[in-house]
Amino acid sequence: MAHRLVAIDPLALLLSPSVYIRLTLPDPPPPDVLAPEIRALVRDMDAGERKAALARAKSLGAFAKALEKELGAASKG
C-alpha cells in the first residue's frame, strides 16, 4: 500500500470557512487585463446572451452602488 503525504494549511483550522476562502482566493486581474478577455467572450455571444449579460451587469452595478453608499454611510457614522 502506497502512502500519500498531504498538508493542511493551519489557517484552515483556525479561521471560519468564509474568512479562509476570502483570504485565499486570488484577487481579480486589473481591468486592462480583463478587457481583451471580455471582448472575446462578448464577440462569441449571440444577441440573446448579450442582452442577458448586459441586464446582469446593470444589476450588479446597481448592487455595487448600493453597497458603496452603505459602506460610505457606515464609515461616517
N, C-alpha and C. Protein backbone atom coordinates (compact mmCIF):
# COMPACT_ATOMS: atom_id res chain seq x y z
N MET A 1 0.85 -1.17 0.00
CA MET A 1 0.00 0.00 0.00
C MET A 1 0.90 1.24 0.00
N ALA A 2 0.63 2.16 -0.93
CA ALA A 2 1.42 3.40 -1.02
C ALA A 2 0.85 4.43 -0.06
N HIS A 3 1.74 5.16 0.56
CA HIS A 3 1.33 6.24 1.46
C HIS A 3 1.44 7.56 0.72
N ARG A 4 0.47 8.38 0.95
CA ARG A 4 0.46 9.69 0.31
C ARG A 4 0.54 10.77 1.37
N LEU A 5 1.48 11.67 1.22
CA LEU A 5 1.60 12.78 2.16
C LEU A 5 0.67 13.91 1.75
N VAL A 6 -0.01 14.49 2.73
CA VAL A 6 -0.87 15.63 2.48
C VAL A 6 -0.52 16.71 3.49
N ALA A 7 -0.81 17.92 3.12
CA ALA A 7 -0.55 19.04 4.02
C ALA A 7 -1.86 19.77 4.28
N ILE A 8 -2.00 20.26 5.47
CA ILE A 8 -3.18 21.04 5.84
C ILE A 8 -2.70 22.43 6.22
N ASP A 9 -3.30 23.42 5.61
CA ASP A 9 -2.98 24.80 5.94
C ASP A 9 -3.50 25.08 7.35
N PRO A 10 -2.64 25.47 8.29
CA PRO A 10 -3.10 25.71 9.65
C PRO A 10 -4.17 26.81 9.74
N LEU A 11 -4.14 27.76 8.80
CA LEU A 11 -5.18 28.79 8.81
C LEU A 11 -6.56 28.19 8.58
N ALA A 12 -6.61 27.13 7.80
CA ALA A 12 -7.89 26.48 7.54
C ALA A 12 -8.49 25.90 8.82
N LEU A 13 -7.65 25.56 9.76
CA LEU A 13 -8.12 25.03 11.04
C LEU A 13 -8.52 26.13 12.02
N LEU A 14 -7.94 27.30 11.84
CA LEU A 14 -8.18 28.39 12.79
C LEU A 14 -9.32 29.31 12.39
N LEU A 15 -9.49 29.53 11.10
CA LEU A 15 -10.47 30.51 10.62
C LEU A 15 -11.77 29.85 10.20
N SER A 16 -12.82 30.63 10.21
CA SER A 16 -14.09 30.12 9.69
C SER A 16 -13.93 29.89 8.19
N PRO A 17 -14.71 28.99 7.62
CA PRO A 17 -14.57 28.72 6.18
C PRO A 17 -14.74 29.96 5.31
N SER A 18 -15.71 30.83 5.63
CA SER A 18 -15.92 32.01 4.79
C SER A 18 -14.73 32.97 4.84
N VAL A 19 -14.13 33.14 6.01
CA VAL A 19 -12.97 34.03 6.12
C VAL A 19 -11.76 33.40 5.41
N TYR A 20 -11.55 32.13 5.60
CA TYR A 20 -10.43 31.45 4.95
C TYR A 20 -10.52 31.55 3.43
N ILE A 21 -11.71 31.34 2.91
CA ILE A 21 -11.90 31.41 1.46
C ILE A 21 -11.60 32.82 0.95
N ARG A 22 -12.10 33.85 1.66
CA ARG A 22 -11.84 35.22 1.21
C ARG A 22 -10.36 35.55 1.25
N LEU A 23 -9.64 35.02 2.22
CA LEU A 23 -8.21 35.30 2.33
C LEU A 23 -7.37 34.56 1.29
N THR A 24 -7.85 33.42 0.85
CA THR A 24 -7.02 32.61 -0.04
C THR A 24 -7.41 32.71 -1.52
N LEU A 25 -8.56 33.29 -1.81
CA LEU A 25 -8.93 33.46 -3.22
C LEU A 25 -8.02 34.50 -3.86
N PRO A 26 -7.64 34.29 -5.10
CA PRO A 26 -6.79 35.29 -5.76
C PRO A 26 -7.59 36.55 -6.07
N ASP A 27 -6.91 37.68 -6.06
CA ASP A 27 -7.56 38.93 -6.45
C ASP A 27 -7.82 38.89 -7.95
N PRO A 28 -8.91 39.54 -8.38
CA PRO A 28 -9.17 39.55 -9.83
C PRO A 28 -8.11 40.38 -10.55
N PRO A 29 -7.87 40.07 -11.81
CA PRO A 29 -6.88 40.85 -12.57
C PRO A 29 -7.39 42.28 -12.80
N PRO A 30 -6.49 43.21 -13.08
CA PRO A 30 -6.90 44.59 -13.34
C PRO A 30 -7.75 44.69 -14.61
N PRO A 31 -8.54 45.76 -14.72
CA PRO A 31 -9.44 45.92 -15.88
C PRO A 31 -8.74 45.83 -17.24
N ASP A 32 -7.52 46.36 -17.35
CA ASP A 32 -6.84 46.32 -18.64
C ASP A 32 -6.47 44.90 -19.05
N VAL A 33 -6.35 43.99 -18.10
CA VAL A 33 -6.10 42.59 -18.41
C VAL A 33 -7.41 41.89 -18.77
N LEU A 34 -8.49 42.26 -18.07
CA LEU A 34 -9.79 41.65 -18.32
C LEU A 34 -10.42 42.07 -19.64
N ALA A 35 -10.17 43.30 -20.07
CA ALA A 35 -10.85 43.85 -21.24
C ALA A 35 -10.74 42.97 -22.48
N PRO A 36 -9.55 42.51 -22.88
CA PRO A 36 -9.48 41.66 -24.07
C PRO A 36 -10.23 40.34 -23.90
N GLU A 37 -10.20 39.78 -22.68
CA GLU A 37 -10.92 38.53 -22.43
C GLU A 37 -12.42 38.76 -22.55
N ILE A 38 -12.89 39.87 -22.01
CA ILE A 38 -14.31 40.20 -22.07
C ILE A 38 -14.74 40.43 -23.52
N ARG A 39 -13.92 41.17 -24.28
CA ARG A 39 -14.23 41.41 -25.69
C ARG A 39 -14.39 40.09 -26.45
N ALA A 40 -13.50 39.15 -26.18
CA ALA A 40 -13.56 37.86 -26.87
C ALA A 40 -14.82 37.10 -26.48
N LEU A 41 -15.18 37.15 -25.20
CA LEU A 41 -16.40 36.46 -24.76
C LEU A 41 -17.64 37.09 -25.39
N VAL A 42 -17.68 38.43 -25.40
CA VAL A 42 -18.84 39.13 -25.97
C VAL A 42 -18.96 38.84 -27.46
N ARG A 43 -17.84 38.79 -28.14
CA ARG A 43 -17.84 38.52 -29.58
C ARG A 43 -18.47 37.16 -29.89
N ASP A 44 -18.30 36.19 -28.98
CA ASP A 44 -18.83 34.85 -29.20
C ASP A 44 -20.28 34.68 -28.74
N MET A 45 -20.87 35.71 -28.13
CA MET A 45 -22.26 35.62 -27.65
C MET A 45 -23.24 35.93 -28.77
N ASP A 46 -24.40 35.28 -28.69
CA ASP A 46 -25.47 35.68 -29.62
C ASP A 46 -26.22 36.87 -29.00
N ALA A 47 -27.16 37.43 -29.73
CA ALA A 47 -27.86 38.64 -29.27
C ALA A 47 -28.57 38.42 -27.94
N GLY A 48 -29.19 37.26 -27.77
CA GLY A 48 -29.90 36.97 -26.52
C GLY A 48 -28.96 36.87 -25.33
N GLU A 49 -27.82 36.26 -25.54
CA GLU A 49 -26.82 36.15 -24.47
C GLU A 49 -26.27 37.52 -24.09
N ARG A 50 -26.02 38.37 -25.11
CA ARG A 50 -25.52 39.72 -24.83
C ARG A 50 -26.55 40.52 -24.04
N LYS A 51 -27.83 40.41 -24.42
CA LYS A 51 -28.88 41.13 -23.72
C LYS A 51 -28.97 40.67 -22.25
N ALA A 52 -28.92 39.37 -22.02
CA ALA A 52 -28.97 38.84 -20.66
C ALA A 52 -27.75 39.25 -19.85
N ALA A 53 -26.57 39.21 -20.47
CA ALA A 53 -25.34 39.59 -19.78
C ALA A 53 -25.37 41.08 -19.44
N LEU A 54 -25.88 41.91 -20.33
CA LEU A 54 -25.97 43.35 -20.07
C LEU A 54 -26.92 43.62 -18.91
N ALA A 55 -28.05 42.93 -18.89
CA ALA A 55 -29.01 43.10 -17.78
C ALA A 55 -28.36 42.70 -16.46
N ARG A 56 -27.62 41.61 -16.46
CA ARG A 56 -26.95 41.15 -15.23
C ARG A 56 -25.87 42.15 -14.82
N ALA A 57 -25.12 42.68 -15.77
CA ALA A 57 -24.08 43.66 -15.45
C ALA A 57 -24.69 44.92 -14.84
N LYS A 58 -25.83 45.36 -15.38
CA LYS A 58 -26.51 46.53 -14.83
C LYS A 58 -26.98 46.24 -13.41
N SER A 59 -27.51 45.06 -13.19
CA SER A 59 -27.97 44.67 -11.87
C SER A 59 -26.81 44.64 -10.87
N LEU A 60 -25.69 44.07 -11.29
CA LEU A 60 -24.51 44.04 -10.42
C LEU A 60 -23.98 45.45 -10.15
N GLY A 61 -24.06 46.31 -11.16
CA GLY A 61 -23.64 47.70 -10.97
C GLY A 61 -24.50 48.41 -9.95
N ALA A 62 -25.82 48.18 -10.01
CA ALA A 62 -26.73 48.78 -9.03
C ALA A 62 -26.43 48.26 -7.63
N PHE A 63 -26.15 46.97 -7.53
CA PHE A 63 -25.80 46.38 -6.24
C PHE A 63 -24.51 47.01 -5.71
N ALA A 64 -23.52 47.17 -6.58
CA ALA A 64 -22.25 47.76 -6.16
C ALA A 64 -22.44 49.20 -5.68
N LYS A 65 -23.28 49.98 -6.37
CA LYS A 65 -23.54 51.36 -5.95
C LYS A 65 -24.23 51.40 -4.59
N ALA A 66 -25.20 50.52 -4.37
CA ALA A 66 -25.90 50.47 -3.09
C ALA A 66 -24.93 50.08 -1.97
N LEU A 67 -24.07 49.11 -2.24
CA LEU A 67 -23.09 48.69 -1.26
C LEU A 67 -22.11 49.82 -0.95
N GLU A 68 -21.65 50.50 -1.98
CA GLU A 68 -20.73 51.62 -1.80
C GLU A 68 -21.38 52.71 -0.95
N LYS A 69 -22.65 53.01 -1.22
CA LYS A 69 -23.37 54.03 -0.46
C LYS A 69 -23.46 53.65 1.01
N GLU A 70 -23.83 52.40 1.29
CA GLU A 70 -23.98 51.96 2.69
C GLU A 70 -22.64 51.91 3.41
N LEU A 71 -21.61 51.47 2.73
CA LEU A 71 -20.29 51.45 3.35
C LEU A 71 -19.79 52.86 3.65
N GLY A 72 -20.07 53.77 2.74
CA GLY A 72 -19.70 55.17 2.97
C GLY A 72 -20.45 55.75 4.15
N ALA A 73 -21.75 55.46 4.23
CA ALA A 73 -22.56 55.96 5.34
C ALA A 73 -22.10 55.35 6.66
N ALA A 74 -21.76 54.07 6.64
CA ALA A 74 -21.33 53.40 7.85
C ALA A 74 -20.00 53.93 8.37
N SER A 75 -19.11 54.30 7.46
CA SER A 75 -17.80 54.81 7.89
C SER A 75 -17.89 56.25 8.39
N LYS A 76 -18.96 56.97 8.01
CA LYS A 76 -19.15 58.33 8.51
C LYS A 76 -19.80 58.33 9.89
N GLY A 77 -20.64 57.32 10.13
CA GLY A 77 -21.40 57.27 11.38
C GLY A 77 -20.78 56.43 12.37
